[in-house]
Amino acid sequence: MSVAKVIELKAASKTSMEDAVKAGLKKCAESVKGIQGAWVKDIKVVTDEKGKVTEWRVDLKVTFVIE
């Protein structure tokens, strides 16, 4: 029988939402083993005064199997 756990984390990127997700998962994988997947719970952007996106932020729920 397998048991899975879900943790939440936040990540950011100045490039794209996809890059923020990849950066968050890469950093998470440094200390969490057995990652099975992730759910992008929320997306937020930071803009300048002209409305240009300056940073992408994501809230992730990462699922991993407990050994």
Protein backbone atom coordinates (compact mmCIF):
# COMPACT_ATOMS: atom_id res chain seq x y z
CA MET A 1 0.00 0.00 0.00
CA SER A 2 1.28 3.46 -0.90
CA VAL A 3 0.69 6.63 1.05
CA ALA A 4 0.94 10.02 -0.60
CA LYS A 5 1.40 13.44 0.92
CA VAL A 6 0.62 16.87 -0.51
CA ILE A 7 2.59 20.01 0.29
CA GLU A 8 1.99 23.55 -0.90
CA LEU A 9 4.69 25.87 -2.17
CA LYS A 10 5.03 29.17 -3.98
CA ALA A 11 7.42 29.93 -6.82
CA ALA A 12 8.13 32.92 -9.03
CA SER A 13 9.78 33.75 -12.35
CA LYS A 14 10.35 36.89 -14.34
CA THR A 15 10.10 34.84 -17.58
CA SER A 16 6.83 32.86 -17.58
CA MET A 17 4.29 30.89 -15.60
CA GLU A 18 5.77 27.66 -16.95
CA ASP A 19 9.24 28.69 -15.79
CA ALA A 20 7.88 29.46 -12.31
CA VAL A 21 6.35 25.96 -12.11
CA LYS A 22 9.58 24.32 -13.30
CA ALA A 23 11.68 26.34 -10.84
CA GLY A 24 9.38 25.45 -7.95
CA LEU A 25 9.43 21.73 -8.76
CA LYS A 26 13.20 21.72 -9.26
CA LYS A 27 13.79 23.35 -5.88
CA CYS A 28 11.27 21.03 -4.21
CA ALA A 29 12.99 17.96 -5.69
CA GLU A 30 16.22 18.92 -3.88
CA SER A 31 14.68 17.83 -0.59
CA VAL A 32 11.54 15.85 -1.47
CA LYS A 33 11.84 12.42 -3.08
CA GLY A 34 9.12 10.51 -4.92
CA ILE A 35 7.32 13.48 -6.48
CA GLN A 36 4.36 12.20 -8.50
CA GLY A 37 2.86 15.41 -9.80
CA ALA A 38 1.73 18.93 -9.06
CA TRP A 39 -1.40 21.02 -9.30
CA VAL A 40 -1.16 24.73 -10.12
CA LYS A 41 -3.58 26.05 -7.52
CA ASP A 42 -3.27 29.75 -8.30
CA ILE A 43 -1.51 32.13 -10.68
CA LYS A 44 -0.67 35.74 -9.97
CA VAL A 45 1.26 38.37 -11.90
CA VAL A 46 3.08 41.45 -10.73
CA THR A 47 2.91 44.40 -13.12
CA ASP A 48 4.54 47.75 -13.56
CA GLU A 49 2.51 50.97 -13.73
CA LYS A 50 1.97 50.49 -17.49
CA GLY A 51 0.46 47.04 -17.05
CA LYS A 52 3.49 45.08 -18.26
CA VAL A 53 3.97 41.76 -16.47
CA THR A 54 7.20 41.89 -14.46
CA GLU A 55 6.87 38.63 -12.51
CA TRP A 56 4.80 35.43 -12.62
CA ARG A 57 3.89 33.76 -9.32
CA VAL A 58 2.34 30.33 -8.83
CA ASP A 59 0.96 28.42 -5.88
CA LEU A 60 1.62 24.69 -6.30
CA LYS A 61 0.30 21.60 -4.53
CA VAL A 62 2.98 18.93 -4.93
CA THR A 63 2.12 15.26 -4.39
CA PHE A 64 4.76 12.71 -3.38
CA VAL A 65 4.79 9.14 -2.15
CA ILE A 66 5.95 8.46 1.40
CA GLU A 67 8.31 5.50 1.64
